[in-house]
Amino acid sequence: VQLVESGGGQVQAGGSLRLSCAASGRTFSTYVMGWFRQAPGKERESVAAISRSGASTSYADSVKGRFTISRDNAKNTVFLQMNSLKSEDTAVYYCAADLTGYYGVHSDAGRYDYWGQGTQVTVSS
């Protein structure tokens, strides 16, 4: 499985970006998908996750109400819409796939099997 993120860039505080993650494989609809981020000098943290069907989602408290995760199983793509961006959102953002067939949603990085290469998001104040 290959995951390729896109959509990162530089934006001013208060602005928006939409990240995309395109996945290979014919069984994308069976993957739990997650977005994580890592800022310089900090540990990787979970941002959002979405269940196989998209019916269930979860968010880190720091992004609730500002970020929205969604997926298009027909296009093997998961999205992260980021609004009202803050300087503290600056990080490399990674998408990840859990191929175990889990029916729910989770933010446990250790349970994700495949990771993308990451895309840089820089928010200037």
PDB file of N, CA and C in Angstrom:
ATOM      1  N   VAL A   1       0.848  -1.188   0.000  1.00  0.00           N
ATOM      2  CA  VAL A   1       0.000   0.000   0.000  1.00  0.00           C
ATOM      3  C   VAL A   1       0.886   1.241   0.000  1.00  0.00           C
ATOM      4  N   GLN A   2       0.605   2.134  -0.894  1.00  0.00           N
ATOM      5  CA  GLN A   2       1.332   3.408  -0.933  1.00  0.00           C
ATOM      6  C   GLN A   2       0.373   4.541  -0.626  1.00  0.00           C
ATOM      7  N   LEU A   3       0.832   5.480   0.180  1.00  0.00           N
ATOM      8  CA  LEU A   3       0.046   6.644   0.551  1.00  0.00           C
ATOM      9  C   LEU A   3       0.805   7.889   0.128  1.00  0.00           C
ATOM     10  N   VAL A   4       0.151   8.772  -0.583  1.00  0.00           N
ATOM     11  CA  VAL A   4       0.793   9.987  -1.076  1.00  0.00           C
ATOM     12  C   VAL A   4      -0.032  11.192  -0.659  1.00  0.00           C
ATOM     13  N   GLU A   5       0.553  12.030   0.190  1.00  0.00           N
ATOM     14  CA  GLU A   5      -0.122  13.237   0.653  1.00  0.00           C
ATOM     15  C   GLU A   5       0.161  14.398  -0.294  1.00  0.00           C
ATOM     16  N   SER A   6      -0.769  15.319  -0.325  1.00  0.00           N
ATOM     17  CA  SER A   6      -0.599  16.554  -1.085  1.00  0.00           C
ATOM     18  C   SER A   6      -1.454  17.641  -0.448  1.00  0.00           C
ATOM     19  N   GLY A   7      -1.192  18.875  -0.866  1.00  0.00           N
ATOM     20  CA  GLY A   7      -2.018  19.975  -0.406  1.00  0.00           C
ATOM     21  C   GLY A   7      -1.396  20.840   0.671  1.00  0.00           C
ATOM     22  N   GLY A   8      -0.217  20.462   1.149  1.00  0.00           N
ATOM     23  CA  GLY A   8       0.434  21.285   2.147  1.00  0.00           C
ATOM     24  C   GLY A   8       0.938  22.583   1.550  1.00  0.00           C
ATOM     25  N   GLY A   9       1.408  23.472   2.414  1.00  0.00           N
ATOM     26  CA  GLY A   9       1.927  24.745   1.943  1.00  0.00           C
ATOM     27  C   GLY A   9       2.020  25.735   3.070  1.00  0.00           C
ATOM     28  N   GLN A  10       2.174  26.971   2.693  1.00  0.00           N
ATOM     29  CA  GLN A  10       2.285  28.047   3.676  1.00  0.00           C
ATOM     30  C   GLN A  10       1.035  28.904   3.614  1.00  0.00           C
ATOM     31  N   VAL A  11       0.513  29.238   4.763  1.00  0.00           N
ATOM     32  CA  VAL A  11      -0.717  30.021   4.838  1.00  0.00           C
ATOM     33  C   VAL A  11      -0.638  30.928   6.061  1.00  0.00           C
ATOM     34  N   GLN A  12      -1.340  32.024   6.009  1.00  0.00           N
ATOM     35  CA  GLN A  12      -1.388  32.924   7.158  1.00  0.00           C
ATOM     36  C   GLN A  12      -2.363  32.403   8.209  1.00  0.00           C
ATOM     37  N   ALA A  13      -2.131  32.793   9.428  1.00  0.00           N
ATOM     38  CA  ALA A  13      -3.034  32.416  10.512  1.00  0.00           C
ATOM     39  C   ALA A  13      -4.465  32.838  10.167  1.00  0.00           C
ATOM     40  N   GLY A  14      -5.397  31.950  10.449  1.00  0.00           N
ATOM     41  CA  GLY A  14      -6.789  32.192  10.109  1.00  0.00           C
ATOM     42  C   GLY A  14      -7.194  31.633   8.758  1.00  0.00           C
ATOM     43  N   GLY A  15      -6.205  31.212   7.983  1.00  0.00           N
ATOM     44  CA  GLY A  15      -6.481  30.689   6.667  1.00  0.00           C
ATOM     45  C   GLY A  15      -6.849  29.220   6.687  1.00  0.00           C
ATOM     46  N   SER A  16      -6.979  28.652   5.482  1.00  0.00           N
ATOM     47  CA  SER A  16      -7.409  27.252   5.332  1.00  0.00           C
ATOM     48  C   SER A  16      -6.510  26.508   4.352  1.00  0.00           C
ATOM     49  N   LEU A  17      -6.426  25.227   4.559  1.00  0.00           N
ATOM     50  CA  LEU A  17      -5.769  24.323   3.625  1.00  0.00           C
ATOM     51  C   LEU A  17      -6.551  23.017   3.604  1.00  0.00           C
ATOM     52  N   ARG A  18      -6.471  22.329   2.476  1.00  0.00           N
ATOM     53  CA  ARG A  18      -7.087  21.008   2.373  1.00  0.00           C
ATOM     54  C   ARG A  18      -6.029  20.007   1.969  1.00  0.00           C
ATOM     55  N   LEU A  19      -5.766  19.065   2.842  1.00  0.00           N
ATOM     56  CA  LEU A  19      -4.815  18.007   2.550  1.00  0.00           C
ATOM     57  C   LEU A  19      -5.539  16.817   1.935  1.00  0.00           C
ATOM     58  N   SER A  20      -4.850  16.152   1.018  1.00  0.00           N
ATOM     59  CA  SER A  20      -5.370  14.932   0.413  1.00  0.00           C
ATOM     60  C   SER A  20      -4.346  13.822   0.596  1.00  0.00           C
ATOM     61  N   CYS A  21      -4.845  12.608   0.657  1.00  0.00           N
ATOM     62  CA  CYS A  21      -3.970  11.441   0.744  1.00  0.00           C
ATOM     63  C   CYS A  21      -4.548  10.374  -0.175  1.00  0.00           C
ATOM     64  N   ALA A  22      -3.814  10.091  -1.234  1.00  0.00           N
ATOM     65  CA  ALA A  22      -4.252   9.084  -2.199  1.00  0.00           C
ATOM     66  C   ALA A  22      -3.599   7.748  -1.856  1.00  0.00           C
ATOM     67  N   ALA A  23      -4.419   6.712  -1.818  1.00  0.00           N
ATOM     68  CA  ALA A  23      -3.934   5.388  -1.440  1.00  0.00           C
ATOM     69  C   ALA A  23      -4.007   4.422  -2.605  1.00  0.00           C
ATOM     70  N   SER A  24      -3.026   3.553  -2.669  1.00  0.00           N
ATOM     71  CA  SER A  24      -3.075   2.483  -3.659  1.00  0.00           C
ATOM     72  C   SER A  24      -3.833   1.306  -3.059  1.00  0.00           C
ATOM     73  N   GLY A  25      -4.110   0.311  -3.878  1.00  0.00           N
ATOM     74  CA  GLY A  25      -4.787  -0.863  -3.371  1.00  0.00           C
ATOM     75  C   GLY A  25      -6.254  -0.879  -3.738  1.00  0.00           C
ATOM     76  N   ARG A  26      -6.810  -2.070  -3.844  1.00  0.00           N
ATOM     77  CA  ARG A  26      -8.196  -2.218  -4.272  1.00  0.00           C
ATOM     78  C   ARG A  26      -9.165  -2.343  -3.123  1.00  0.00           C
ATOM     79  N   THR A  27      -8.649  -2.302  -1.900  1.00  0.00           N
ATOM     80  CA  THR A  27      -9.526  -2.492  -0.750  1.00  0.00           C
ATOM     81  C   THR A  27      -9.491  -1.292   0.182  1.00  0.00           C
ATOM     82  N   PHE A  28      -9.384  -0.106  -0.381  1.00  0.00           N
ATOM     83  CA  PHE A  28      -9.287   1.109   0.426  1.00  0.00           C
ATOM     84  C   PHE A  28     -10.453   1.232   1.387  1.00  0.00           C
ATOM     85  N   SER A  29     -11.611   0.776   0.993  1.00  0.00           N
ATOM     86  CA  SER A  29     -12.796   0.914   1.842  1.00  0.00           C
ATOM     87  C   SER A  29     -12.715   0.071   3.104  1.00  0.00           C
ATOM     88  N   THR A  30     -11.717  -0.787   3.208  1.00  0.00           N
ATOM     89  CA  THR A  30     -11.529  -1.588   4.421  1.00  0.00           C
ATOM     90  C   THR A  30     -10.461  -1.006   5.343  1.00  0.00           C
ATOM     91  N   TYR A  31      -9.860   0.127   4.946  1.00  0.00           N
ATOM     92  CA  TYR A  31      -8.802   0.735   5.755  1.00  0.00           C
ATOM     93  C   TYR A  31      -9.385   1.773   6.708  1.00  0.00           C
ATOM     94  N   VAL A  32      -8.986   1.720   7.970  1.00  0.00           N
ATOM     95  CA  VAL A  32      -9.165   2.859   8.852  1.00  0.00           C
ATOM     96  C   VAL A  32      -8.051   3.844   8.499  1.00  0.00           C
ATOM     97  N   MET A  33      -8.393   5.099   8.360  1.00  0.00           N
ATOM     98  CA  MET A  33      -7.415   6.101   7.959  1.00  0.00           C
ATOM     99  C   MET A  33      -7.231   7.151   9.048  1.00  0.00           C
ATOM    100  N   GLY A  34      -6.009   7.621   9.170  1.00  0.00           N
ATOM    101  CA  GLY A  34      -5.723   8.639  10.169  1.00  0.00           C
ATOM    102  C   GLY A  34      -4.790   9.702   9.636  1.00  0.00           C
ATOM    103  N   TRP A  35      -4.882  10.866  10.222  1.00  0.00           N
ATOM    104  CA  TRP A  35      -3.926  11.955   9.984  1.00  0.00           C
ATOM    105  C   TRP A  35      -3.159  12.205  11.276  1.00  0.00           C
ATOM    106  N   PHE A  36      -1.862  12.337  11.152  1.00  0.00           N
ATOM    107  CA  PHE A  36      -0.978  12.643  12.261  1.00  0.00           C
ATOM    108  C   PHE A  36      -0.121  13.843  11.870  1.00  0.00           C
ATOM    109  N   ARG A  37       0.517  14.448  12.854  1.00  0.00           N
ATOM    110  CA  ARG A  37       1.435  15.537  12.551  1.00  0.00           C
ATOM    111  C   ARG A  37       2.604  15.516  13.529  1.00  0.00           C
ATOM    112  N   GLN A  38       3.701  16.092  13.069  1.00  0.00           N
ATOM    113  CA  GLN A  38       4.881  16.204  13.917  1.00  0.00           C
ATOM    114  C   GLN A  38       5.534  17.556  13.685  1.00  0.00           C
ATOM    115  N   ALA A  39       5.598  18.323  14.741  1.00  0.00           N
ATOM    116  CA  ALA A  39       6.251  19.632  14.698  1.00  0.00           C
ATOM    117  C   ALA A  39       7.706  19.469  15.113  1.00  0.00           C
ATOM    118  N   PRO A  40       8.573  20.384  14.713  1.00  0.00           N
ATOM    119  CA  PRO A  40       9.989  20.286  15.074  1.00  0.00           C
ATOM    120  C   PRO A  40      10.174  20.208  16.586  1.00  0.00           C
ATOM    121  N   GLY A  41      10.940  19.230  17.014  1.00  0.00           N
ATOM    122  CA  GLY A  41      11.226  19.085  18.431  1.00  0.00           C
ATOM    123  C   GLY A  41      10.109  18.489  19.253  1.00  0.00           C
ATOM    124  N   LYS A  42       9.043  18.084  18.579  1.00  0.00           N
ATOM    125  CA  LYS A  42       7.904  17.511  19.301  1.00  0.00           C
ATOM    126  C   LYS A  42       7.624  16.090  18.827  1.00  0.00           C
ATOM    127  N   GLU A  43       6.898  15.362  19.629  1.00  0.00           N
ATOM    128  CA  GLU A  43       6.525  14.009  19.248  1.00  0.00           C
ATOM    129  C   GLU A  43       5.365  14.049  18.253  1.00  0.00           C
ATOM    130  N   ARG A  44       5.276  12.977  17.485  1.00  0.00           N
ATOM    131  CA  ARG A  44       4.146  12.840  16.576  1.00  0.00           C
ATOM    132  C   ARG A  44       2.846  12.747  17.363  1.00  0.00           C
ATOM    133  N   GLU A  45       1.812  13.391  16.853  1.00  0.00           N
ATOM    134  CA  GLU A  45       0.526  13.356  17.539  1.00  0.00           C
ATOM    135  C   GLU A  45      -0.590  13.071  16.544  1.00  0.00           C
ATOM    136  N   SER A  46      -1.630  12.443  17.048  1.00  0.00           N
ATOM    137  CA  SER A  46      -2.795  12.174  16.228  1.00  0.00           C
ATOM    138  C   SER A  46      -3.583  13.453  16.027  1.00  0.00           C
ATOM    139  N   VAL A  47      -4.086  13.643  14.817  1.00  0.00           N
ATOM    140  CA  VAL A  47      -4.910  14.808  14.502  1.00  0.00           C
ATOM    141  C   VAL A  47      -6.371  14.387  14.324  1.00  0.00           C
ATOM    142  N   ALA A  48      -6.592  13.382  13.486  1.00  0.00           N
ATOM    143  CA  ALA A  48      -7.950  12.938  13.199  1.00  0.00           C
ATOM    144  C   ALA A  48      -7.908  11.528  12.626  1.00  0.00           C
ATOM    145  N   ALA A  49      -9.037  10.843  12.723  1.00  0.00           N
ATOM    146  CA  ALA A  49      -9.139   9.498  12.162  1.00  0.00           C
ATOM    147  C   ALA A  49     -10.557   9.283  11.663  1.00  0.00           C
ATOM    148  N   ILE A  50     -10.689   8.341  10.733  1.00  0.00           N
ATOM    149  CA  ILE A  50     -11.996   8.088  10.142  1.00  0.00           C
ATOM    150  C   ILE A  50     -12.159   6.590   9.919  1.00  0.00           C
ATOM    151  N   SER A  51     -13.359   6.101  10.167  1.00  0.00           N
ATOM    152  CA  SER A  51     -13.643   4.675  10.023  1.00  0.00           C
ATOM    153  C   SER A  51     -13.733   4.280   8.553  1.00  0.00           C
ATOM    154  N   ARG A  52     -13.866   2.995   8.335  1.00  0.00           N
ATOM    155  CA  ARG A  52     -13.876   2.459   6.981  1.00  0.00           C
ATOM    156  C   ARG A  52     -14.946   3.092   6.100  1.00  0.00           C
ATOM    157  N   SER A  53     -16.121   3.238   6.642  1.00  0.00           N
ATOM    158  CA  SER A  53     -17.230   3.797   5.858  1.00  0.00           C
ATOM    159  C   SER A  53     -17.266   5.312   5.887  1.00  0.00           C
ATOM    160  N   GLY A  54     -16.561   5.893   6.833  1.00  0.00           N
ATOM    161  CA  GLY A  54     -16.616   7.336   7.025  1.00  0.00           C
ATOM    162  C   GLY A  54     -17.680   7.772   8.022  1.00  0.00           C
ATOM    163  N   ALA A  55     -18.423   6.821   8.556  1.00  0.00           N
ATOM    164  CA  ALA A  55     -19.522   7.154   9.468  1.00  0.00           C
ATOM    165  C   ALA A  55     -19.019   7.639  10.818  1.00  0.00           C
ATOM    166  N   SER A  56     -17.824   7.195  11.212  1.00  0.00           N
ATOM    167  CA  SER A  56     -17.267   7.593  12.509  1.00  0.00           C
ATOM    168  C   SER A  56     -15.960   8.340  12.310  1.00  0.00           C
ATOM    169  N   THR A  57     -15.799   9.399  13.103  1.00  0.00           N
ATOM    170  CA  THR A  57     -14.572  10.181  13.063  1.00  0.00           C
ATOM    171  C   THR A  57     -14.137  10.503  14.488  1.00  0.00           C
ATOM    172  N   SER A  58     -12.881  10.838  14.631  1.00  0.00           N
ATOM    173  CA  SER A  58     -12.376  11.303  15.922  1.00  0.00           C
ATOM    174  C   SER A  58     -11.356  12.401  15.669  1.00  0.00           C
ATOM    175  N   TYR A  59     -11.220  13.308  16.636  1.00  0.00           N
ATOM    176  CA  TYR A  59     -10.333  14.455  16.494  1.00  0.00           C
ATOM    177  C   TYR A  59      -9.568  14.713  17.785  1.00  0.00           C
ATOM    178  N   ALA A  60      -8.375  15.225  17.633  1.00  0.00           N
ATOM    179  CA  ALA A  60      -7.649  15.735  18.786  1.00  0.00           C
ATOM    180  C   ALA A  60      -8.375  16.973  19.299  1.00  0.00           C
ATOM    181  N   ASP A  61      -8.337  17.183  20.601  1.00  0.00           N
ATOM    182  CA  ASP A  61      -9.026  18.340  21.177  1.00  0.00           C
ATOM    183  C   ASP A  61      -8.534  19.645  20.561  1.00  0.00           C
ATOM    184  N   SER A  62      -7.273  19.685  20.209  1.00  0.00           N
ATOM    185  CA  SER A  62      -6.670  20.918  19.701  1.00  0.00           C
ATOM    186  C   SER A  62      -7.204  21.328  18.332  1.00  0.00           C
ATOM    187  N   VAL A  63      -7.847  20.399  17.620  1.00  0.00           N
ATOM    188  CA  VAL A  63      -8.327  20.729  16.273  1.00  0.00           C
ATOM    189  C   VAL A  63      -9.837  20.614  16.129  1.00  0.00           C
ATOM    190  N   LYS A  64     -10.512  20.169  17.166  1.00  0.00           N
ATOM    191  CA  LYS A  64     -11.976  20.027  17.096  1.00  0.00           C
ATOM    192  C   LYS A  64     -12.627  21.346  16.741  1.00  0.00           C
ATOM    193  N   GLY A  65     -13.572  21.278  15.810  1.00  0.00           N
ATOM    194  CA  GLY A  65     -14.274  22.465  15.375  1.00  0.00           C
ATOM    195  C   GLY A  65     -13.554  23.246  14.293  1.00  0.00           C
ATOM    196  N   ARG A  66     -12.303  22.902  14.023  1.00  0.00           N
ATOM    197  CA  ARG A  66     -11.539  23.594  12.979  1.00  0.00           C
ATOM    198  C   ARG A  66     -11.168  22.661  11.826  1.00  0.00           C
ATOM    199  N   PHE A  67     -10.898  21.401  12.125  1.00  0.00           N
ATOM    200  CA  PHE A  67     -10.486  20.435  11.110  1.00  0.00           C
ATOM    201  C   PHE A  67     -11.616  19.442  10.865  1.00  0.00           C
ATOM    202  N   THR A  68     -11.698  18.970   9.627  1.00  0.00           N
ATOM    203  CA  THR A  68     -12.674  17.949   9.264  1.00  0.00           C
ATOM    204  C   THR A  68     -12.001  16.884   8.412  1.00  0.00           C
ATOM    205  N   ILE A  69     -12.132  15.640   8.840  1.00  0.00           N
ATOM    206  CA  ILE A  69     -11.605  14.525   8.065  1.00  0.00           C
ATOM    207  C   ILE A  69     -12.754  13.905   7.278  1.00  0.00           C
ATOM    208  N   SER A  70     -12.474  13.506   6.061  1.00  0.00           N
ATOM    209  CA  SER A  70     -13.484  12.855   5.226  1.00  0.00           C
ATOM    210  C   SER A  70     -12.769  11.898   4.274  1.00  0.00           C
ATOM    211  N   ARG A  71     -13.559  11.079   3.592  1.00  0.00           N
ATOM    212  CA  ARG A  71     -12.955  10.144   2.656  1.00  0.00           C
ATOM    213  C   ARG A  71     -13.882   9.901   1.476  1.00  0.00           C
ATOM    214  N   ASP A  72     -13.277   9.552   0.358  1.00  0.00           N
ATOM    215  CA  ASP A  72     -14.009   9.169  -0.840  1.00  0.00           C
ATOM    216  C   ASP A  72     -13.495   7.787  -1.226  1.00  0.00           C
ATOM    217  N   ASN A  73     -14.235   6.766  -0.860  1.00  0.00           N
ATOM    218  CA  ASN A  73     -13.773   5.405  -1.102  1.00  0.00           C
ATOM    219  C   ASN A  73     -13.731   5.063  -2.593  1.00  0.00           C
ATOM    220  N   ALA A  74     -14.535   5.735  -3.380  1.00  0.00           N
ATOM    221  CA  ALA A  74     -14.512   5.489  -4.820  1.00  0.00           C
ATOM    222  C   ALA A  74     -13.225   6.002  -5.453  1.00  0.00           C
ATOM    223  N   LYS A  75     -12.596   6.984  -4.795  1.00  0.00           N
ATOM    224  CA  LYS A  75     -11.367   7.576  -5.325  1.00  0.00           C
ATOM    225  C   LYS A  75     -10.145   7.228  -4.478  1.00  0.00           C
ATOM    226  N   ASN A  76     -10.323   6.328  -3.520  1.00  0.00           N
ATOM    227  CA  ASN A  76      -9.199   5.895  -2.667  1.00  0.00           C
ATOM    228  C   ASN A  76      -8.476   7.078  -2.031  1.00  0.00           C
ATOM    229  N   THR A  77      -9.238   8.041  -1.539  1.00  0.00           N
ATOM    230  CA  THR A  77      -8.631   9.268  -1.036  1.00  0.00           C
ATOM    231  C   THR A  77      -9.260   9.661   0.294  1.00  0.00           C
ATOM    232  N   VAL A  78      -8.411  10.139   1.192  1.00  0.00           N
ATOM    233  CA  VAL A  78      -8.868  10.715   2.447  1.00  0.00           C
ATOM    234  C   VAL A  78      -8.415  12.172   2.478  1.00  0.00           C
ATOM    235  N   PHE A  79      -9.244  13.012   3.084  1.00  0.00           N
ATOM    236  CA  PHE A  79      -8.996  14.452   3.098  1.00  0.00           C
ATOM    237  C   PHE A  79      -8.916  14.968   4.537  1.00  0.00           C
ATOM    238  N   LEU A  80      -8.235  16.082   4.678  1.00  0.00           N
ATOM    239  CA  LEU A  80      -8.242  16.803   5.939  1.00  0.00           C
ATOM    240  C   LEU A  80      -8.433  18.277   5.609  1.00  0.00           C
ATOM    241  N   GLN A  81      -9.632  18.773   5.876  1.00  0.00           N
ATOM    242  CA  GLN A  81      -9.924  20.190   5.685  1.00  0.00           C
ATOM    243  C   GLN A  81      -9.538  20.930   6.951  1.00  0.00           C
ATOM    244  N   MET A  82      -8.659  21.899   6.815  1.00  0.00           N
ATOM    245  CA  MET A  82      -8.141  22.621   7.971  1.00  0.00           C
ATOM    246  C   MET A  82      -8.516  24.094   7.850  1.00  0.00           C
ATOM    247  N   ASN A  83      -9.341  24.554   8.768  1.00  0.00           N
ATOM    248  CA  ASN A  83      -9.783  25.945   8.787  1.00  0.00           C
ATOM    249  C   ASN A  83      -9.269  26.640  10.032  1.00  0.00           C
ATOM    250  N   SER A  84      -9.325  27.951  10.010  1.00  0.00           N
ATOM    251  CA  SER A  84      -8.901  28.760  11.174  1.00  0.00           C
ATOM    252  C   SER A  84      -7.538  28.313  11.682  1.00  0.00           C
ATOM    253  N   LEU A  85      -6.623  28.187  10.766  1.00  0.00           N
ATOM    254  CA  LEU A  85      -5.304  27.670  11.117  1.00  0.00           C
ATOM    255  C   LEU A  85      -4.569  28.611  12.064  1.00  0.00           C
ATOM    256  N   LYS A  86      -3.794  27.995  12.941  1.00  0.00           N
ATOM    257  CA  LYS A  86      -3.013  28.720  13.928  1.00  0.00           C
ATOM    258  C   LYS A  86      -1.532  28.383  13.730  1.00  0.00           C
ATOM    259  N   SER A  87      -0.681  29.217  14.279  1.00  0.00           N
ATOM    260  CA  SER A  87       0.758  28.972  14.134  1.00  0.00           C
ATOM    261  C   SER A  87       1.154  27.624  14.735  1.00  0.00           C
ATOM    262  N   GLU A  88       0.438  27.233  15.776  1.00  0.00           N
ATOM    263  CA  GLU A  88       0.758  25.946  16.421  1.00  0.00           C
ATOM    264  C   GLU A  88       0.343  24.735  15.597  1.00  0.00           C
ATOM    265  N   ASP A  89      -0.334  24.952  14.488  1.00  0.00           N
ATOM    266  CA  ASP A  89      -0.662  23.855  13.575  1.00  0.00           C
ATOM    267  C   ASP A  89       0.504  23.559  12.621  1.00  0.00           C
ATOM    268  N   THR A  90       1.529  24.383  12.654  1.00  0.00           N
ATOM    269  CA  THR A  90       2.689  24.158  11.799  1.00  0.00           C
ATOM    270  C   THR A  90       3.344  22.825  12.126  1.00  0.00           C
ATOM    271  N   ALA A  91       3.483  21.980  11.112  1.00  0.00           N
ATOM    272  CA  ALA A  91       4.027  20.634  11.311  1.00  0.00           C
ATOM    273  C   ALA A  91       4.101  19.933   9.963  1.00  0.00           C
ATOM    274  N   VAL A  92       4.739  18.773   9.970  1.00  0.00           N
ATOM    275  CA  VAL A  92       4.627  17.855   8.846  1.00  0.00           C
ATOM    276  C   VAL A  92       3.432  16.957   9.125  1.00  0.00           C
ATOM    277  N   TYR A  93       2.539  16.875   8.164  1.00  0.00           N
ATOM    278  CA  TYR A  93       1.317  16.086   8.317  1.00  0.00           C
ATOM    279  C   TYR A  93       1.451  14.784   7.535  1.00  0.00           C
ATOM    280  N   TYR A  94       1.086  13.686   8.194  1.00  0.00           N
ATOM    281  CA  TYR A  94       1.185  12.360   7.615  1.00  0.00           C
ATOM    282  C   TYR A  94      -0.189  11.692   7.616  1.00  0.00           C
ATOM    283  N   CYS A  95      -0.484  10.975   6.555  1.00  0.00           N
ATOM    284  CA  CYS A  95      -1.645  10.101   6.610  1.00  0.00           C
ATOM    285  C   CYS A  95      -1.172   8.681   6.851  1.00  0.00           C
ATOM    286  N   ALA A  96      -2.050   7.881   7.408  1.00  0.00           N
ATOM    287  CA  ALA A  96      -1.699   6.515   7.766  1.00  0.00           C
ATOM    288  C   ALA A  96      -2.904   5.612   7.567  1.00  0.00           C
ATOM    289  N   ALA A  97      -2.618   4.346   7.306  1.00  0.00           N
ATOM    290  CA  ALA A  97      -3.673   3.363   7.037  1.00  0.00           C
ATOM    291  C   ALA A  97      -3.542   2.165   7.965  1.00  0.00           C
ATOM    292  N   ASP A  98      -4.664   1.780   8.526  1.00  0.00           N
ATOM    293  CA  ASP A  98      -4.773   0.566   9.338  1.00  0.00           C
ATOM    294  C   ASP A  98      -5.501  -0.471   8.504  1.00  0.00           C
ATOM    295  N   LEU A  99      -4.805  -1.561   8.161  1.00  0.00           N
ATOM    296  CA  LEU A  99      -5.363  -2.559   7.254  1.00  0.00           C
ATOM    297  C   LEU A  99      -5.915  -3.793   7.967  1.00  0.00           C
ATOM    298  N   THR A 100      -6.095  -3.692   9.271  1.00  0.00           N
ATOM    299  CA  THR A 100      -6.516  -4.879  10.014  1.00  0.00           C
ATOM    300  C   THR A 100      -7.990  -5.211   9.842  1.00  0.00           C
ATOM    301  N   GLY A 101      -8.753  -4.313   9.244  1.00  0.00           N
ATOM    302  CA  GLY A 101     -10.169  -4.577   9.083  1.00  0.00           C
ATOM    303  C   GLY A 101     -11.016  -4.132  10.254  1.00  0.00           C
ATOM    304  N   TYR A 102     -10.399  -3.354  11.146  1.00  0.00           N
ATOM    305  CA  TYR A 102     -11.117  -2.842  12.318  1.00  0.00           C
ATOM    306  C   TYR A 102     -12.323  -2.015  11.876  1.00  0.00           C
ATOM    307  N   TYR A 103     -13.444  -2.198  12.526  1.00  0.00           N
ATOM    308  CA  TYR A 103     -14.674  -1.522  12.121  1.00  0.00           C
ATOM    309  C   TYR A 103     -14.870  -0.153  12.749  1.00  0.00           C
ATOM    310  N   GLY A 104     -14.093   0.150  13.758  1.00  0.00           N
ATOM    311  CA  GLY A 104     -14.289   1.423  14.420  1.00  0.00           C
ATOM    312  C   GLY A 104     -13.320   2.476  13.931  1.00  0.00           C
ATOM    313  N   VAL A 105     -12.939   3.382  14.833  1.00  0.00           N
ATOM    314  CA  VAL A 105     -11.984   4.439  14.534  1.00  0.00           C
ATOM    315  C   VAL A 105     -11.058   4.569  15.740  1.00  0.00           C
ATOM    316  N   HIS A 106      -9.810   4.853  15.510  1.00  0.00           N
ATOM    317  CA  HIS A 106      -8.866   4.977  16.622  1.00  0.00           C
ATOM    318  C   HIS A 106      -7.726   5.902  16.225  1.00  0.00           C
ATOM    319  N   SER A 107      -6.991   6.362  17.230  1.00  0.00           N
ATOM    320  CA  SER A 107      -5.877   7.285  17.006  1.00  0.00           C
ATOM    321  C   SER A 107      -4.548   6.707  17.479  1.00  0.00           C
ATOM    322  N   ASP A 108      -4.489   5.398  17.618  1.00  0.00           N
ATOM    323  CA  ASP A 108      -3.278   4.725  18.093  1.00  0.00           C
ATOM    324  C   ASP A 108      -2.292   4.538  16.939  1.00  0.00           C
ATOM    325  N   ALA A 109      -1.227   5.327  16.949  1.00  0.00           N
ATOM    326  CA  ALA A 109      -0.256   5.279  15.851  1.00  0.00           C
ATOM    327  C   ALA A 109       0.328   3.889  15.654  1.00  0.00           C
ATOM    328  N   GLY A 110       0.495   3.150  16.733  1.00  0.00           N
ATOM    329  CA  GLY A 110       1.081   1.819  16.652  1.00  0.00           C
ATOM    330  C   GLY A 110       0.231   0.820  15.895  1.00  0.00           C
ATOM    331  N   ARG A 111      -1.026   1.139  15.677  1.00  0.00           N
ATOM    332  CA  ARG A 111      -1.928   0.225  14.978  1.00  0.00           C
ATOM    333  C   ARG A 111      -2.046   0.550  13.492  1.00  0.00           C
ATOM    334  N   TYR A 112      -1.386   1.590  13.049  1.00  0.00           N
ATOM    335  CA  TYR A 112      -1.406   1.941  11.628  1.00  0.00           C
ATOM    336  C   TYR A 112      -0.227   1.271  10.939  1.00  0.00           C
ATOM    337  N   ASP A 113      -0.514   0.609   9.828  1.00  0.00           N
ATOM    338  CA  ASP A 113       0.484  -0.228   9.168  1.00  0.00           C
ATOM    339  C   ASP A 113       1.311   0.514   8.123  1.00  0.00           C
ATOM    340  N   TYR A 114       0.697   1.476   7.470  1.00  0.00           N
ATOM    341  CA  TYR A 114       1.369   2.175   6.379  1.00  0.00           C
ATOM    342  C   TYR A 114       1.264   3.683   6.578  1.00  0.00           C
ATOM    343  N   TRP A 115       2.316   4.359   6.160  1.00  0.00           N
ATOM    344  CA  TRP A 115       2.410   5.802   6.344  1.00  0.00           C
ATOM    345  C   TRP A 115       2.844   6.472   5.048  1.00  0.00           C
ATOM    346  N   GLY A 116       2.351   7.676   4.847  1.00  0.00           N
ATOM    347  CA  GLY A 116       2.806   8.480   3.724  1.00  0.00           C
ATOM    348  C   GLY A 116       4.123   9.167   4.051  1.00  0.00           C
ATOM    349  N   GLN A 117       4.618   9.928   3.083  1.00  0.00           N
ATOM    350  CA  GLN A 117       5.910  10.589   3.249  1.00  0.00           C
ATOM    351  C   GLN A 117       5.792  11.921   3.980  1.00  0.00           C
ATOM    352  N   GLY A 118       4.590  12.415   4.095  1.00  0.00           N
ATOM    353  CA  GLY A 118       4.359  13.654   4.815  1.00  0.00           C
ATOM    354  C   GLY A 118       4.291  14.867   3.902  1.00  0.00           C
ATOM    355  N   THR A 119       3.554  15.875   4.342  1.00  0.00           N
ATOM    356  CA  THR A 119       3.472  17.143   3.622  1.00  0.00           C
ATOM    357  C   THR A 119       3.571  18.276   4.651  1.00  0.00           C
ATOM    358  N   GLN A 120       4.362  19.269   4.325  1.00  0.00           N
ATOM    359  CA  GLN A 120       4.636  20.358   5.262  1.00  0.00           C
ATOM    360  C   GLN A 120       3.495  21.378   5.255  1.00  0.00           C
ATOM    361  N   VAL A 121       3.053  21.732   6.441  1.00  0.00           N
ATOM    362  CA  VAL A 121       2.085  22.814   6.622  1.00  0.00           C
ATOM    363  C   VAL A 121       2.739  23.869   7.505  1.00  0.00           C
ATOM    364  N   THR A 122       2.819  25.081   7.000  1.00  0.00           N
ATOM    365  CA  THR A 122       3.427  26.177   7.740  1.00  0.00           C
ATOM    366  C   THR A 122       2.410  27.300   7.863  1.00  0.00           C
ATOM    367  N   VAL A 123       2.114  27.692   9.092  1.00  0.00           N
ATOM    368  CA  VAL A 123       1.147  28.758   9.355  1.00  0.00           C
ATOM    369  C   VAL A 123       1.903  29.934   9.953  1.00  0.00           C
ATOM    370  N   SER A 124       1.853  31.045   9.272  1.00  0.00           N
ATOM    371  CA  SER A 124       2.567  32.227   9.742  1.00  0.00           C
ATOM    372  C   SER A 124       1.595  33.173  10.437  1.00  0.00           C
ATOM    373  N   SER A 125       2.074  33.765  11.515  1.00  0.00           N
ATOM    374  CA  SER A 125       1.204  34.672  12.283  1.00  0.00           C
ATOM    375  C   SER A 125       1.433  36.119  11.888  1.00  0.00           C
TER     376      SER A 125
END
